[in-house]
């Protein structure tokens, strides 16, 4: 059983170190995205990996332009 102190400590840590990003998807216009997200093990991990890959591409592109 998790103690009240542990819950309080976790909440404080989350407040200091994390943020929440809300993504609203439409069942009709975003059906393809919803289907893909339903197929992955971790939605958060999948989205973060896609963003990091995009950041790498941008960094490579910027280096080539220098």
N, C-alpha and C. Protein backbone atom coordinates (compact mmCIF):
# COMPACT_ATOMS: atom_id res chain seq x y z
N UNK A 1 0.83 -1.18 0.00
CA UNK A 1 0.00 0.00 0.00
C UNK A 1 0.88 1.25 0.00
N UNK A 2 0.51 2.20 -0.82
CA UNK A 2 1.27 3.44 -0.93
C UNK A 2 0.82 4.40 0.18
N UNK A 3 1.80 4.95 0.85
CA UNK A 3 1.48 5.85 1.96
C UNK A 3 1.13 7.23 1.43
N UNK A 4 0.47 8.00 2.26
CA UNK A 4 0.10 9.37 1.90
C UNK A 4 1.36 10.22 1.68
N UNK A 5 2.40 9.97 2.44
CA UNK A 5 3.65 10.70 2.29
C UNK A 5 4.28 10.42 0.92
N UNK A 6 4.23 9.18 0.50
CA UNK A 6 4.79 8.80 -0.80
C UNK A 6 4.00 9.46 -1.93
N UNK A 7 2.70 9.47 -1.82
CA UNK A 7 1.86 10.12 -2.83
C UNK A 7 2.18 11.60 -2.90
N UNK A 8 2.32 12.24 -1.73
CA UNK A 8 2.64 13.67 -1.67
C UNK A 8 4.01 13.95 -2.30
N UNK A 9 4.98 13.08 -2.01
CA UNK A 9 6.32 13.25 -2.57
C UNK A 9 6.29 13.07 -4.10
N UNK A 10 5.55 12.10 -4.58
CA UNK A 10 5.43 11.88 -6.03
C UNK A 10 4.77 13.07 -6.71
N UNK A 11 3.71 13.58 -6.10
CA UNK A 11 3.02 14.74 -6.67
C UNK A 11 3.94 15.95 -6.72
N UNK A 12 4.72 16.17 -5.68
CA UNK A 12 5.65 17.29 -5.65
C UNK A 12 6.72 17.13 -6.72
N UNK A 13 7.23 15.92 -6.88
CA UNK A 13 8.23 15.64 -7.90
C UNK A 13 7.66 15.86 -9.30
N UNK A 14 6.46 15.38 -9.53
CA UNK A 14 5.82 15.58 -10.84
C UNK A 14 5.62 17.06 -11.13
N UNK A 15 5.23 17.81 -10.14
CA UNK A 15 5.00 19.24 -10.32
C UNK A 15 6.29 19.97 -10.70
N UNK A 16 7.41 19.57 -10.08
CA UNK A 16 8.70 20.21 -10.35
C UNK A 16 9.28 19.78 -11.69
N UNK A 17 9.08 18.53 -12.07
CA UNK A 17 9.85 17.95 -13.17
C UNK A 17 9.08 17.60 -14.44
N UNK A 18 7.77 17.74 -14.45
CA UNK A 18 7.02 17.31 -15.62
C UNK A 18 5.97 18.34 -16.01
N UNK A 19 5.46 18.17 -17.20
CA UNK A 19 4.33 18.96 -17.68
C UNK A 19 3.39 18.01 -18.40
N UNK A 20 2.17 18.41 -18.56
CA UNK A 20 1.18 17.61 -19.28
C UNK A 20 0.87 18.31 -20.59
N UNK A 21 0.85 17.52 -21.66
CA UNK A 21 0.50 18.03 -22.98
C UNK A 21 -0.75 17.29 -23.43
N UNK A 22 -1.79 18.03 -23.72
CA UNK A 22 -3.05 17.43 -24.13
C UNK A 22 -3.14 17.44 -25.64
N UNK A 23 -3.55 16.33 -26.20
CA UNK A 23 -3.71 16.22 -27.64
C UNK A 23 -5.13 15.76 -27.90
N UNK A 24 -5.93 16.59 -28.55
CA UNK A 24 -7.31 16.25 -28.84
C UNK A 24 -7.39 15.74 -30.28
N UNK A 25 -7.89 14.52 -30.45
CA UNK A 25 -8.00 13.92 -31.78
C UNK A 25 -9.47 13.65 -32.10
N UNK A 26 -9.82 13.90 -33.36
CA UNK A 26 -11.19 13.72 -33.83
C UNK A 26 -11.35 12.30 -34.37
N UNK A 27 -12.43 11.63 -33.95
CA UNK A 27 -12.68 10.25 -34.40
C UNK A 27 -12.80 10.15 -35.92
N UNK A 28 -13.27 11.19 -36.56
CA UNK A 28 -13.48 11.15 -38.01
C UNK A 28 -12.25 11.58 -38.79
N UNK A 29 -11.75 12.77 -38.50
CA UNK A 29 -10.65 13.29 -39.30
C UNK A 29 -9.28 12.75 -38.90
N UNK A 30 -9.16 12.21 -37.70
CA UNK A 30 -7.88 11.68 -37.22
C UNK A 30 -7.93 10.17 -37.00
N UNK A 31 -8.84 9.50 -37.69
CA UNK A 31 -9.02 8.06 -37.49
C UNK A 31 -7.73 7.28 -37.76
N UNK A 32 -6.96 7.70 -38.75
CA UNK A 32 -5.71 7.01 -39.07
C UNK A 32 -4.71 7.13 -37.92
N UNK A 33 -4.65 8.29 -37.32
CA UNK A 33 -3.74 8.50 -36.19
C UNK A 33 -4.19 7.67 -34.99
N UNK A 34 -5.49 7.69 -34.72
CA UNK A 34 -6.02 6.91 -33.59
C UNK A 34 -5.78 5.42 -33.79
N UNK A 35 -5.93 4.95 -35.03
CA UNK A 35 -5.68 3.53 -35.32
C UNK A 35 -4.22 3.18 -35.03
N UNK A 36 -3.31 4.02 -35.49
CA UNK A 36 -1.87 3.76 -35.27
C UNK A 36 -1.54 3.79 -33.79
N UNK A 37 -2.05 4.78 -33.08
CA UNK A 37 -1.78 4.86 -31.64
C UNK A 37 -2.34 3.65 -30.90
N UNK A 38 -3.41 3.08 -31.41
CA UNK A 38 -3.97 1.87 -30.80
C UNK A 38 -3.12 0.63 -31.03
N UNK A 39 -2.20 0.70 -31.98
CA UNK A 39 -1.36 -0.45 -32.32
C UNK A 39 -0.01 -0.45 -31.62
N UNK A 40 0.36 0.66 -31.01
CA UNK A 40 1.68 0.74 -30.37
C UNK A 40 1.59 0.40 -28.89
N UNK A 41 2.69 -0.09 -28.34
CA UNK A 41 2.73 -0.47 -26.92
C UNK A 41 2.63 0.76 -26.02
N UNK A 42 3.31 1.82 -26.41
CA UNK A 42 3.36 3.02 -25.57
C UNK A 42 3.10 4.25 -26.42
N UNK A 43 1.97 4.88 -26.25
CA UNK A 43 1.64 6.08 -27.01
C UNK A 43 2.66 7.18 -26.73
N UNK A 44 2.96 7.39 -25.46
CA UNK A 44 3.91 8.42 -25.09
C UNK A 44 5.29 8.12 -25.69
N UNK A 45 5.75 6.90 -25.58
CA UNK A 45 7.05 6.53 -26.13
C UNK A 45 7.10 6.69 -27.64
N UNK A 46 6.03 6.31 -28.31
CA UNK A 46 5.96 6.42 -29.77
C UNK A 46 6.01 7.88 -30.21
N UNK A 47 5.21 8.71 -29.58
CA UNK A 47 5.18 10.13 -29.94
C UNK A 47 6.52 10.80 -29.65
N UNK A 48 7.12 10.48 -28.50
CA UNK A 48 8.42 11.07 -28.16
C UNK A 48 9.49 10.63 -29.16
N UNK A 49 9.45 9.36 -29.58
CA UNK A 49 10.43 8.87 -30.56
C UNK A 49 10.28 9.60 -31.89
N UNK A 50 9.05 9.82 -32.32
CA UNK A 50 8.82 10.55 -33.58
C UNK A 50 9.34 11.98 -33.49
N UNK A 51 9.10 12.63 -32.39
CA UNK A 51 9.56 14.01 -32.22
C UNK A 51 11.08 14.06 -32.19
N UNK A 52 11.69 13.12 -31.47
CA UNK A 52 13.16 13.11 -31.41
C UNK A 52 13.78 12.85 -32.77
N UNK A 53 13.16 11.97 -33.56
CA UNK A 53 13.67 11.70 -34.91
C UNK A 53 13.55 12.97 -35.76
N UNK A 54 12.46 13.70 -35.63
CA UNK A 54 12.29 14.95 -36.36
C UNK A 54 13.34 15.97 -35.95
N UNK A 55 13.62 16.05 -34.65
CA UNK A 55 14.65 16.96 -34.17
C UNK A 55 16.02 16.60 -34.74
N UNK A 56 16.33 15.31 -34.83
CA UNK A 56 17.60 14.88 -35.43
C UNK A 56 17.69 15.31 -36.89
N UNK A 57 16.58 15.14 -37.63
CA UNK A 57 16.56 15.54 -39.04
C UNK A 57 16.80 17.03 -39.18
N UNK A 58 16.16 17.83 -38.32
CA UNK A 58 16.35 19.28 -38.36
C UNK A 58 17.80 19.65 -38.06
N UNK A 59 18.39 18.96 -37.10
CA UNK A 59 19.79 19.24 -36.73
C UNK A 59 20.72 18.90 -37.89
N UNK A 60 20.49 17.75 -38.54
CA UNK A 60 21.32 17.37 -39.69
C UNK A 60 21.17 18.39 -40.82
N UNK A 61 19.95 18.82 -41.06
CA UNK A 61 19.68 19.80 -42.11
C UNK A 61 20.39 21.11 -41.82
N UNK A 62 20.34 21.56 -40.57
CA UNK A 62 20.99 22.81 -40.18
C UNK A 62 22.50 22.71 -40.36
N UNK A 63 23.09 21.56 -40.04
CA UNK A 63 24.54 21.38 -40.21
C UNK A 63 24.93 21.42 -41.68
N UNK A 64 24.09 20.84 -42.55
CA UNK A 64 24.39 20.86 -43.97
C UNK A 64 24.31 22.27 -44.56
N UNK A 65 23.50 23.11 -43.98
CA UNK A 65 23.32 24.47 -44.50
C UNK A 65 24.41 25.41 -44.03
N UNK A 66 25.22 25.00 -43.08
CA UNK A 66 26.28 25.87 -42.56
C UNK A 66 27.45 25.93 -43.49
